[in-house]
Amino acid sequence: MNKLLVLAALTVAAAPAMASKARLTALGNANHLIDTQTVFTNAADINYLGDYATIEFGSNANNSGSGVTTPRAEGGFTRTSSMGKWGAYLGRQSSTVNEFIAGVNAAPTNAGLLTEQNALDLMYGTEMAGQKWGFGAHYSAAKLESTSQEVNTLGVSAGVRNDVWDAYLRVGLGGESKVSGASELKQKGLYDVGFGYWLDTVYLSAKYITTKGTLSGNPVLGGTDLDIEKNAWSVSAIDNMKVEGGNFFYGISYTSNEVKKGNNKETTTGLPLIAGMEIDAASWMVLRGSISQNVFVGEVKNDPGSTDKMANNTVVAAGAGIKFGKMTMDATISGSGTTSGTADGTVNGNNLFTQGSLTYMF
């Protein structure tokens, strides 16, 4: 019984309308999901998806600002051979690396460093000893002489999954972003590890990520080195159940995120509750949505500095997948409207389909 329930949850991802960043966003990035994008977390997920080609719509502009949330142009494919399953993917920028760089690009250091550029991911999946395994490599490099900016990163990943449990490890082998004659950020380690276990219809999971680096040569710091470190972990439980025409899930997590910059430390903790659904509205359309919010625990503590508790963080997301034979257009269908320049949470037609993709299942 347990195996059948787990297989049902896993094979949901094989449906052609369920493979994109837009899908994950609409479903609140819930930990139990398997998707073309979760392959970059647990490389073994490549084994649970059919062969596909996918493209994600977004900007291709260079990014050296403090914000890294703009959808990026990216895409790739996977194919099955007698030696296993393999794939290549272009343009996917590591959110872990980019957020680390964005932290020093923000005030007060305003380092002006490049985030990842023209990234390449290579993926491979196979089955050994009754387990499905996956391996990946990530590489990015760029040198812009016109702006004296340079960036390069390299990382590898491995994962394993079966019908009951899964685990993964991602390691950053090296990384550097610099502006010649000014700021230089060197990565000194990046480790991301996670484990999950299906207990009947409930998915239990735990994650931990740590990354370190040193910023040197920054004019604001007077040339003094600044050590930066991030440690984040979470545990969660999500109950995923079959309903007529689709799936409904709900769950709760405890999250902790600590960022140290020299003698300053910011710690964010939360107890987010999430609920979501993914339903076949018609033979050619899937609708999905989710809501999440901290309950009882939610704190941002600055040391030295102030502490904010239970600030509003309710997030609602929605999306749709429209199927045309083996081709699917996947997109978000919710947006934030504005009143006098302030977000008021209404749906604004100008913001619809701001995150979308096209996927072809071979």
Protein backbone atom coordinates (compact mmCIF):
# COMPACT_ATOMS: atom_id res chain seq x y z
CA MET A 1 0.00 0.00 0.00
CA ASN A 2 2.77 2.43 0.96
CA LYS A 3 4.65 1.71 -2.27
CA LEU A 4 1.58 2.33 -4.42
CA LEU A 5 0.89 5.66 -2.71
CA VAL A 6 4.48 6.77 -3.17
CA LEU A 7 4.50 5.74 -6.83
CA ALA A 8 1.28 7.67 -7.39
CA ALA A 9 2.84 10.78 -5.87
CA LEU A 10 5.99 10.41 -7.97
CA THR A 11 4.27 9.74 -11.29
CA VAL A 12 2.22 12.93 -10.97
CA ALA A 13 5.36 14.72 -12.19
CA ALA A 14 5.33 12.76 -15.45
CA ALA A 15 2.16 14.49 -16.67
CA PRO A 16 3.06 16.86 -19.51
CA ALA A 17 1.48 19.92 -17.88
CA MET A 18 3.61 19.70 -14.76
CA ALA A 19 7.19 20.69 -15.49
CA SER A 20 8.41 24.23 -14.90
CA LYS A 21 9.40 26.93 -12.45
CA ALA A 22 5.90 28.33 -12.85
CA ARG A 23 4.46 25.06 -11.51
CA LEU A 24 6.76 25.05 -8.49
CA THR A 25 6.00 28.70 -7.76
CA ALA A 26 2.25 28.10 -7.96
CA LEU A 27 2.58 25.17 -5.55
CA GLY A 28 4.72 27.08 -3.05
CA ASN A 29 7.88 25.05 -3.82
CA ALA A 30 6.55 22.29 -1.56
CA ASN A 31 9.23 19.78 -0.62
CA HIS A 32 7.45 16.64 -1.86
CA LEU A 33 7.27 17.73 -5.52
CA ILE A 34 9.25 16.12 -8.35
CA ASP A 35 9.71 18.28 -11.44
CA THR A 36 12.17 19.19 -14.17
CA GLN A 37 13.49 21.88 -11.83
CA THR A 38 13.94 19.62 -8.76
CA VAL A 39 16.57 17.69 -10.78
CA PHE A 40 18.95 20.50 -9.83
CA THR A 41 18.39 19.75 -6.14
CA ASN A 42 18.22 15.95 -6.21
CA ALA A 43 19.88 14.75 -9.41
CA ALA A 44 18.12 11.36 -9.09
CA ASP A 45 14.79 12.99 -10.02
CA ILE A 46 15.83 12.79 -13.69
CA ASN A 47 14.90 9.10 -13.53
CA TYR A 48 11.26 9.85 -12.65
CA LEU A 49 10.58 12.10 -15.64
CA GLY A 50 10.05 11.19 -19.26
CA ASP A 51 12.36 12.53 -21.96
CA TYR A 52 11.60 16.20 -22.50
CA ALA A 53 12.75 19.50 -23.95
CA THR A 54 11.85 22.64 -22.05
CA ILE A 55 12.42 26.38 -22.20
CA GLU A 56 11.76 28.97 -19.50
CA PHE A 57 11.00 32.55 -20.49
CA GLY A 58 12.83 35.41 -18.79
CA SER A 59 15.50 38.09 -18.97
CA ASN A 60 19.03 37.54 -20.32
CA ALA A 61 20.38 40.81 -18.90
CA ASN A 62 23.59 40.80 -16.83
CA ASN A 63 22.81 41.09 -13.14
CA SER A 64 25.10 42.87 -10.70
CA GLY A 65 22.35 44.45 -8.60
CA SER A 66 21.02 43.33 -5.26
CA GLY A 67 17.92 41.62 -6.67
CA VAL A 68 18.13 38.13 -8.19
CA THR A 69 14.47 37.13 -8.36
CA THR A 70 13.76 38.13 -11.98
CA PRO A 71 12.86 35.08 -14.13
CA ARG A 72 15.80 34.12 -16.34
CA ALA A 73 15.90 32.76 -19.88
CA GLU A 74 16.93 29.10 -19.64
CA GLY A 75 16.16 25.64 -20.96
CA GLY A 76 17.41 22.17 -21.82
CA PHE A 77 16.55 18.59 -22.62
CA THR A 78 16.96 14.99 -21.46
CA ARG A 79 17.28 11.76 -23.46
CA THR A 80 17.34 8.06 -22.60
CA SER A 81 20.02 5.71 -23.94
CA SER A 82 21.19 2.15 -23.27
CA MET A 83 23.70 3.61 -20.78
CA GLY A 84 21.11 5.50 -18.74
CA LYS A 85 19.53 8.92 -18.91
CA TRP A 86 21.42 12.12 -19.66
CA GLY A 87 20.68 15.77 -20.27
CA ALA A 88 22.01 19.27 -20.73
CA TYR A 89 20.59 22.56 -19.53
CA LEU A 90 21.54 26.15 -20.40
CA GLY A 91 21.18 29.38 -18.46
CA ARG A 92 20.16 28.10 -15.01
CA GLN A 93 21.75 30.33 -12.42
CA SER A 94 22.30 28.88 -8.95
CA SER A 95 20.01 30.72 -6.54
CA THR A 96 22.36 29.85 -3.65
CA VAL A 97 25.37 31.44 -5.36
CA ASN A 98 23.45 34.44 -6.69
CA GLU A 99 21.86 35.22 -3.32
CA PHE A 100 25.32 35.07 -1.72
CA ILE A 101 26.69 37.54 -4.29
CA ALA A 102 23.60 39.75 -3.99
CA GLY A 103 24.26 40.05 -0.26
CA VAL A 104 27.50 41.96 -0.88
CA ASN A 105 26.08 43.91 -3.81
CA ALA A 106 23.51 45.46 -1.46
CA ALA A 107 24.24 48.42 0.81
CA PRO A 108 26.51 49.28 2.45
CA THR A 109 29.24 47.45 0.49
CA ASN A 110 27.62 47.93 -2.98
CA ALA A 111 30.29 45.69 -4.49
CA GLY A 112 28.90 45.63 -8.04
CA LEU A 113 29.82 41.97 -8.57
CA LEU A 114 28.43 39.85 -11.39
CA THR A 115 26.09 36.99 -10.58
CA GLU A 116 26.40 33.78 -12.61
CA GLN A 117 26.45 34.12 -16.41
CA ASN A 118 25.78 31.63 -19.25
CA ALA A 119 25.64 28.66 -16.88
CA LEU A 120 25.77 25.07 -18.13
CA ASP A 121 24.38 22.02 -16.32
CA LEU A 122 25.10 18.42 -17.34
CA MET A 123 22.96 15.61 -15.86
CA TYR A 124 23.11 11.82 -15.78
CA GLY A 125 20.79 9.24 -14.24
CA THR A 126 20.94 5.47 -13.90
CA GLU A 127 19.74 2.58 -11.73
CA MET A 128 22.15 0.62 -9.53
CA ALA A 129 21.46 -1.97 -6.82
CA GLY A 130 17.74 -1.29 -6.99
CA GLN A 131 18.21 2.46 -6.39
CA LYS A 132 17.80 5.30 -8.86
CA TRP A 133 20.91 7.50 -8.89
CA GLY A 134 21.62 10.87 -10.42
CA PHE A 135 24.73 13.02 -10.91
CA GLY A 136 25.19 16.57 -12.09
CA ALA A 137 27.81 19.22 -12.86
CA HIS A 138 27.30 22.99 -12.93
CA TYR A 139 29.66 25.52 -14.52
CA SER A 140 29.52 29.27 -15.15
CA ALA A 141 32.15 31.75 -16.31
CA ALA A 142 32.25 35.24 -17.81
CA LYS A 143 34.77 38.07 -18.19
CA LEU A 144 33.55 41.53 -19.18
CA GLU A 145 36.56 43.71 -19.95
CA SER A 146 34.28 46.67 -20.70
CA THR A 147 33.19 46.81 -17.05
CA SER A 148 36.20 45.05 -15.45
CA GLN A 149 33.88 42.35 -14.07
CA GLU A 150 34.60 38.62 -13.90
CA VAL A 151 32.79 35.60 -12.44
CA ASN A 152 33.34 31.83 -12.41
CA THR A 153 31.69 29.03 -10.45
CA LEU A 154 31.87 25.23 -10.44
CA GLY A 155 29.81 22.64 -8.56
CA VAL A 156 28.80 18.98 -8.59
CA SER A 157 25.82 17.09 -7.22
CA ALA A 158 24.66 13.53 -6.53
CA GLY A 159 21.35 12.06 -5.43
CA VAL A 160 19.58 8.78 -4.81
CA ARG A 161 15.87 7.98 -4.66
CA ASN A 162 13.65 4.93 -4.35
CA ASP A 163 9.97 4.39 -3.63
CA VAL A 164 10.31 5.28 0.06
CA TRP A 165 13.30 7.53 0.72
CA ASP A 166 15.67 9.92 -1.04
CA ALA A 167 18.87 11.84 -0.31
CA TYR A 168 21.09 14.35 -2.10
CA LEU A 169 24.37 16.24 -1.79
CA ARG A 170 25.50 19.35 -3.65
CA VAL A 171 29.04 20.71 -3.34
CA GLY A 172 30.54 23.96 -4.59
CA LEU A 173 34.07 23.24 -5.77
CA GLY A 174 35.04 26.86 -6.27
CA GLY A 175 33.71 30.27 -7.08
CA GLU A 176 34.87 33.85 -7.54
CA SER A 177 33.32 37.13 -8.59
CA LYS A 178 35.36 40.31 -8.82
CA VAL A 179 35.74 43.80 -10.17
CA SER A 180 39.36 44.37 -11.19
CA GLY A 181 41.12 46.75 -8.84
CA ALA A 182 38.17 46.80 -6.45
CA SER A 183 35.93 44.18 -4.78
CA GLU A 184 36.62 40.44 -4.95
CA LEU A 185 34.45 37.70 -3.43
CA LYS A 186 35.92 34.21 -3.09
CA GLN A 187 33.82 31.20 -2.17
CA LYS A 188 35.41 29.06 0.54
CA GLY A 189 32.90 26.25 0.62
CA LEU A 190 29.32 25.36 -0.30
CA TYR A 191 27.56 22.22 0.95
CA ASP A 192 23.88 21.39 0.55
CA VAL A 193 22.50 18.10 1.88
CA GLY A 194 18.96 16.78 2.24
CA PHE A 195 16.98 13.66 3.13
CA GLY A 196 13.34 12.65 2.65
CA TYR A 197 11.16 9.74 3.72
CA TRP A 198 7.60 8.72 2.79
CA LEU A 199 5.53 7.57 5.77
CA ASP A 200 2.39 6.39 4.01
CA THR A 201 1.04 9.63 2.40
CA VAL A 202 3.21 11.94 4.54
CA TYR A 203 6.56 13.14 3.22
CA LEU A 204 9.09 13.94 5.95
CA SER A 205 12.21 15.87 4.98
CA ALA A 206 15.24 17.68 6.38
CA LYS A 207 17.69 20.03 4.65
CA TYR A 208 20.90 21.83 5.58
CA ILE A 209 23.01 24.24 3.54
CA THR A 210 26.17 26.13 4.45
CA THR A 211 28.31 28.45 2.37
CA LYS A 212 31.25 30.72 3.21
CA GLY A 213 33.23 33.40 1.46
CA THR A 214 35.50 36.41 1.90
CA LEU A 215 35.03 39.86 0.39
CA SER A 216 38.29 41.74 -0.09
CA GLY A 217 39.35 45.03 -1.65
CA ASN A 218 35.98 46.72 -1.16
CA PRO A 219 36.43 50.54 -1.03
CA VAL A 220 33.65 50.97 1.53
CA LEU A 221 35.51 48.63 3.89
CA GLY A 222 38.81 50.42 3.34
CA GLY A 223 40.37 47.28 1.93
CA THR A 224 39.63 45.24 5.08
CA ASP A 225 38.54 41.65 4.45
CA LEU A 226 34.95 40.77 5.34
CA ASP A 227 34.11 37.12 6.12
CA ILE A 228 30.59 36.06 5.16
CA GLU A 229 28.82 32.85 6.15
CA LYS A 230 25.33 31.46 5.64
CA ASN A 231 23.83 28.50 7.50
CA ALA A 232 20.26 27.42 6.81
CA TRP A 233 18.27 24.34 7.77
CA SER A 234 14.70 23.13 7.77
CA VAL A 235 12.53 20.16 8.70
CA SER A 236 9.08 19.59 7.26
CA ALA A 237 6.11 17.22 7.03
CA ILE A 238 3.66 17.33 4.10
CA ASP A 239 0.57 15.17 3.66
CA ASN A 240 -0.17 14.59 -0.03
CA MET A 241 -3.53 13.02 -0.89
CA LYS A 242 -5.30 12.05 -4.08
CA VAL A 243 -8.61 13.83 -4.72
CA GLU A 244 -10.96 13.74 -7.67
CA GLY A 245 -9.05 15.02 -10.67
CA GLY A 246 -5.78 15.73 -8.90
CA ASN A 247 -3.92 16.20 -5.60
CA PHE A 248 -4.33 18.23 -2.42
CA PHE A 249 -1.54 18.72 0.10
CA TYR A 250 -0.89 20.51 3.36
CA GLY A 251 2.02 20.61 5.74
CA ILE A 252 4.22 22.53 8.14
CA SER A 253 7.94 23.29 8.39
CA TYR A 254 10.41 24.81 10.78
CA THR A 255 13.04 26.94 9.05
CA SER A 256 16.17 28.73 10.25
CA ASN A 257 18.44 30.96 8.19
CA GLU A 258 21.53 32.62 9.70
CA VAL A 259 23.73 35.08 7.80
CA LYS A 260 26.97 36.42 9.31
CA LYS A 261 28.86 39.41 7.89
CA GLY A 262 31.89 40.14 10.02
CA ASN A 263 30.57 40.94 13.51
CA ASN A 264 26.97 41.33 12.33
CA LYS A 265 24.50 38.45 12.31
CA GLU A 266 20.92 38.17 11.05
CA THR A 267 18.85 35.13 12.03
CA THR A 268 15.46 34.40 10.48
CA THR A 269 13.23 31.66 11.85
CA GLY A 270 9.73 30.61 10.93
CA LEU A 271 7.05 27.96 11.22
CA PRO A 272 5.29 28.19 7.84
CA LEU A 273 2.05 26.32 7.20
CA ILE A 274 1.35 25.51 3.55
CA ALA A 275 -1.64 24.15 1.65
CA GLY A 276 -2.06 23.66 -2.07
CA MET A 277 -3.82 21.79 -4.83
CA GLU A 278 -3.30 20.69 -8.44
CA ILE A 279 -6.47 19.77 -10.31
CA ASP A 280 -7.36 18.79 -13.89
CA ALA A 281 -9.86 21.48 -14.84
CA ALA A 282 -10.27 19.89 -18.30
CA SER A 283 -8.51 17.32 -20.44
CA TRP A 284 -6.32 20.12 -21.78
CA MET A 285 -5.85 22.27 -18.65
CA VAL A 286 -4.42 21.88 -15.15
CA LEU A 287 -5.03 24.52 -12.49
CA ARG A 288 -2.92 24.81 -9.36
CA GLY A 289 -2.52 27.10 -6.38
CA SER A 290 -1.16 27.39 -2.85
CA ILE A 291 -1.06 29.54 0.25
CA SER A 292 1.61 29.71 2.95
CA GLN A 293 2.17 31.72 6.11
CA ASN A 294 4.12 31.60 9.34
CA VAL A 295 2.11 30.47 12.36
CA PHE A 296 3.13 31.01 16.01
CA VAL A 297 6.82 31.44 15.09
CA GLY A 298 8.28 34.10 12.81
CA GLU A 299 11.26 36.20 13.77
CA VAL A 300 14.00 38.28 12.18
CA LYS A 301 16.75 39.06 14.69
CA ASN A 302 19.66 41.38 13.98
CA ASP A 303 22.69 41.20 16.26
CA PRO A 304 23.47 43.93 17.01
CA GLY A 305 20.14 45.58 16.26
CA SER A 306 16.42 45.05 16.50
CA THR A 307 14.15 42.00 16.40
CA ASP A 308 10.94 41.78 14.36
CA LYS A 309 8.37 39.13 15.24
CA MET A 310 5.50 37.74 13.18
CA ALA A 311 5.60 40.31 10.39
CA ASN A 312 2.98 39.50 7.76
CA ASN A 313 4.28 37.01 5.17
CA THR A 314 1.15 35.40 3.73
CA VAL A 315 1.84 34.31 0.14
CA VAL A 316 -0.80 33.16 -2.35
CA ALA A 317 0.20 31.80 -5.75
CA ALA A 318 -1.71 30.31 -8.67
CA GLY A 319 -0.86 28.84 -12.04
CA ALA A 320 -2.06 26.86 -15.01
CA GLY A 321 -0.77 24.34 -17.52
CA ILE A 322 -2.35 24.23 -20.97
CA LYS A 323 -1.72 21.09 -23.04
CA PHE A 324 -1.48 20.92 -26.83
CA GLY A 325 -0.81 17.26 -27.55
CA LYS A 326 2.72 16.59 -26.25
CA MET A 327 3.42 20.32 -25.89
CA THR A 328 2.56 22.23 -22.73
CA MET A 329 2.48 25.95 -21.96
CA ASP A 330 2.90 26.45 -18.23
CA ALA A 331 2.53 29.82 -16.50
CA THR A 332 1.61 31.73 -13.38
CA ILE A 333 -1.80 33.37 -13.55
CA SER A 334 -1.63 35.53 -10.44
CA GLY A 335 -0.09 38.95 -10.02
CA SER A 336 0.18 41.87 -7.62
CA GLY A 337 -1.67 45.00 -8.57
CA THR A 338 -0.71 48.44 -7.32
CA THR A 339 -2.48 51.46 -5.92
CA SER A 340 -0.40 54.63 -6.06
CA GLY A 341 2.70 52.50 -6.53
CA THR A 342 2.02 50.25 -3.54
CA ALA A 343 1.30 46.55 -3.99
CA ASP A 344 -2.31 45.86 -3.03
CA GLY A 345 -2.48 42.16 -3.88
CA THR A 346 -5.02 42.46 -6.68
CA VAL A 347 -4.67 40.61 -9.97
CA ASN A 348 -3.24 42.96 -12.57
CA GLY A 349 -3.51 41.99 -16.25
CA ASN A 350 -0.05 43.43 -16.91
CA ASN A 351 1.45 40.91 -14.48
CA LEU A 352 -0.28 37.75 -15.75
CA PHE A 353 1.92 35.06 -17.32
CA THR A 354 5.09 36.81 -16.11
CA GLN A 355 6.63 33.41 -15.43
CA GLY A 356 6.13 30.76 -18.08
CA SER A 357 7.58 27.88 -20.05
CA LEU A 358 7.09 25.56 -23.00
CA THR A 359 7.73 21.83 -22.52
CA TYR A 360 7.66 19.01 -25.03
CA MET A 361 7.46 15.43 -23.78
CA PHE A 362 8.99 12.97 -26.26
